[in-house]
Amino acid sequence: MVRIHLGPTNLFMKVFYILLADHAFLSIDKKVNIIGVFETINTTNFPVTHPRFVVVGAIQPTKTEFKIALDIVDPQGDSILGQLQEREVKLPENAHNQNFNFIIEIINTTFKNIGQYKVELLIDKKKITEVPLRVAETTSVRAS
């Protein structure tokens, strides 16, 4: 677990986990179901556009209203998503200190080069954690 300081009020945001996966969903009883967790995208050609993946995680918010966003940063430190797409979250007042599960879909992301990318989680425009995403070149295998 990671504790992130969010400003002068001495509030902390707890990050329980953040993962990259092929698919994730909430079951009827609010359990997070994660399918195909990965850390590397393998390709034979560049640039490559990954059609779809999700970022799934759980945090313990210190406030009931905040904005959540993701960014993907290339090895040179530049954003590859362009403009951040923030989502406003409004939790009930009685949800204080409860886990907040999130599933954010990423569609048609283009990776121009091989290297170590970072998927960053932002709360109210402040980065609170990141997870590595490696993009690697592989050789195709021919059938004999």
Protein backbone atom coordinates (compact mmCIF):
# COMPACT_ATOMS: atom_id res chain seq x y z
CA MET A 1 0.00 0.00 0.00
CA VAL A 2 1.17 3.51 -0.84
CA ARG A 3 0.23 6.60 1.18
CA ILE A 4 0.29 9.86 -0.76
CA HIS A 5 0.19 13.27 0.89
CA LEU A 6 -2.40 15.52 -0.78
CA GLY A 7 -1.58 18.94 0.58
CA PRO A 8 -1.32 21.17 3.63
CA THR A 9 -4.39 19.71 5.33
CA ASN A 10 -2.30 16.62 6.12
CA LEU A 11 -4.72 14.30 4.32
CA PHE A 12 -3.41 11.05 2.85
CA MET A 13 -4.72 9.04 -0.09
CA LYS A 14 -4.15 5.29 0.26
CA VAL A 15 -3.46 3.39 -2.95
CA PHE A 16 -4.16 -0.31 -2.52
CA TYR A 17 -3.36 -1.43 -6.07
CA ILE A 18 -3.30 -0.40 -9.71
CA LEU A 19 -3.05 -2.96 -12.53
CA LEU A 20 -3.18 -3.12 -16.31
CA ALA A 21 -5.46 -5.80 -17.73
CA ASP A 22 -7.27 -6.93 -20.84
CA HIS A 23 -10.65 -6.67 -19.12
CA ALA A 24 -12.21 -5.95 -15.71
CA PHE A 25 -15.74 -5.63 -14.39
CA LEU A 26 -17.71 -5.39 -11.16
CA SER A 27 -19.86 -8.38 -10.26
CA ILE A 28 -23.37 -8.02 -8.90
CA ASP A 29 -22.01 -8.14 -5.34
CA LYS A 30 -19.43 -5.39 -6.17
CA LYS A 31 -16.39 -7.67 -6.42
CA VAL A 32 -13.72 -6.57 -8.90
CA ASN A 33 -13.07 -9.24 -11.53
CA ILE A 34 -9.82 -8.82 -13.47
CA ILE A 35 -8.89 -10.78 -16.60
CA GLY A 36 -5.51 -10.82 -18.30
CA VAL A 37 -3.19 -8.77 -16.08
CA PHE A 38 -0.08 -7.68 -18.00
CA GLU A 39 2.99 -5.44 -17.78
CA THR A 40 4.31 -5.71 -21.35
CA ILE A 41 2.88 -5.10 -24.81
CA ASN A 42 4.77 -7.12 -27.43
CA THR A 43 4.72 -6.16 -31.10
CA THR A 44 6.62 -6.84 -34.31
CA ASN A 45 5.99 -3.38 -35.85
CA PHE A 46 6.18 0.25 -34.76
CA PRO A 47 4.25 2.35 -34.31
CA VAL A 48 1.69 0.02 -32.75
CA THR A 49 -1.86 0.88 -31.71
CA HIS A 50 -3.15 -1.20 -28.83
CA PRO A 51 -6.91 -1.55 -29.38
CA ARG A 52 -8.12 -1.74 -25.78
CA PHE A 53 -7.02 -2.33 -22.21
CA VAL A 54 -8.15 -1.25 -18.77
CA VAL A 55 -6.50 0.26 -15.74
CA VAL A 56 -8.07 -1.13 -12.59
CA GLY A 57 -7.34 -0.13 -9.04
CA ALA A 58 -8.51 0.61 -5.54
CA ILE A 59 -7.87 3.70 -3.46
CA GLN A 60 -9.13 5.01 -0.15
CA PRO A 61 -10.14 8.62 -0.83
CA THR A 62 -9.76 11.24 1.86
CA LYS A 63 -12.63 13.30 0.47
CA THR A 64 -15.98 12.55 -1.11
CA GLU A 65 -15.57 14.72 -4.22
CA PHE A 66 -12.52 14.59 -6.48
CA LYS A 67 -11.45 14.25 -10.10
CA ILE A 68 -9.67 11.12 -11.30
CA ALA A 69 -7.60 10.85 -14.48
CA LEU A 70 -4.95 8.71 -16.15
CA ASP A 71 -1.98 9.63 -18.28
CA ILE A 72 0.48 7.47 -20.19
CA VAL A 73 3.98 8.90 -20.38
CA ASP A 74 6.59 7.72 -22.91
CA PRO A 75 10.26 7.04 -22.08
CA GLN A 76 11.10 10.70 -22.83
CA GLY A 77 8.52 11.93 -20.31
CA ASP A 78 5.90 13.10 -22.83
CA SER A 79 2.20 12.29 -22.58
CA ILE A 80 0.96 10.05 -25.38
CA LEU A 81 -2.74 10.46 -24.56
CA GLY A 82 -2.91 14.16 -25.33
CA GLN A 83 -5.43 16.02 -23.18
CA LEU A 84 -6.30 14.40 -19.84
CA GLN A 85 -9.84 13.09 -19.59
CA GLU A 86 -10.82 13.77 -15.97
CA ARG A 87 -13.84 12.09 -14.44
CA GLU A 88 -15.62 13.71 -11.56
CA VAL A 89 -16.31 11.40 -8.62
CA LYS A 90 -18.95 12.21 -6.01
CA LEU A 91 -19.20 9.69 -3.21
CA PRO A 92 -21.88 9.61 -0.52
CA GLU A 93 -20.91 11.31 2.74
CA ASN A 94 -20.99 7.96 4.58
CA ALA A 95 -18.33 6.55 2.15
CA HIS A 96 -15.49 8.27 3.99
CA ASN A 97 -12.50 5.93 4.52
CA GLN A 98 -14.02 3.19 2.33
CA ASN A 99 -12.27 1.70 -0.68
CA PHE A 100 -13.09 3.19 -4.06
CA ASN A 101 -12.63 0.72 -6.92
CA PHE A 102 -12.13 2.08 -10.41
CA ILE A 103 -11.93 0.62 -13.91
CA ILE A 104 -10.82 3.00 -16.65
CA GLU A 105 -10.85 1.87 -20.27
CA ILE A 106 -8.05 2.95 -22.61
CA ILE A 107 -8.88 2.67 -26.32
CA ASN A 108 -6.68 2.86 -29.43
CA THR A 109 -3.47 4.04 -27.79
CA THR A 110 -0.50 4.41 -30.14
CA PHE A 111 3.00 3.59 -28.95
CA LYS A 112 5.62 4.98 -31.35
CA ASN A 113 8.71 3.27 -29.93
CA ILE A 114 9.92 0.46 -27.73
CA GLY A 115 10.68 1.36 -24.14
CA GLN A 116 9.48 1.78 -20.58
CA TYR A 117 6.26 3.80 -20.39
CA LYS A 118 4.42 4.86 -17.21
CA VAL A 119 0.69 4.80 -16.57
CA GLU A 120 0.04 7.57 -14.05
CA LEU A 121 -3.00 7.92 -11.77
CA LEU A 122 -3.94 11.52 -11.01
CA ILE A 123 -6.33 12.80 -8.38
CA ASP A 124 -7.27 16.47 -8.72
CA LYS A 125 -4.43 16.84 -11.29
CA LYS A 126 -1.78 15.53 -8.84
CA LYS A 127 0.03 12.29 -9.66
CA ILE A 128 -0.49 9.88 -6.78
CA THR A 129 1.07 6.74 -8.22
CA GLU A 130 2.29 5.12 -11.41
CA VAL A 131 2.64 1.64 -12.85
CA PRO A 132 5.23 0.64 -15.46
CA LEU A 133 4.19 -0.48 -18.95
CA ARG A 134 6.89 -1.96 -21.15
CA VAL A 135 6.50 -1.92 -24.92
CA ALA A 136 8.80 -4.49 -26.52
CA GLU A 137 9.65 -5.62 -30.02
CA THR A 138 9.43 -9.32 -30.74
CA THR A 139 10.34 -11.35 -33.78
CA SER A 140 7.58 -13.24 -35.51
CA VAL A 141 7.80 -17.02 -35.51
CA ARG A 142 7.22 -18.77 -38.85
CA ALA A 143 5.50 -22.12 -39.02
CA SER A 144 7.55 -24.81 -40.79
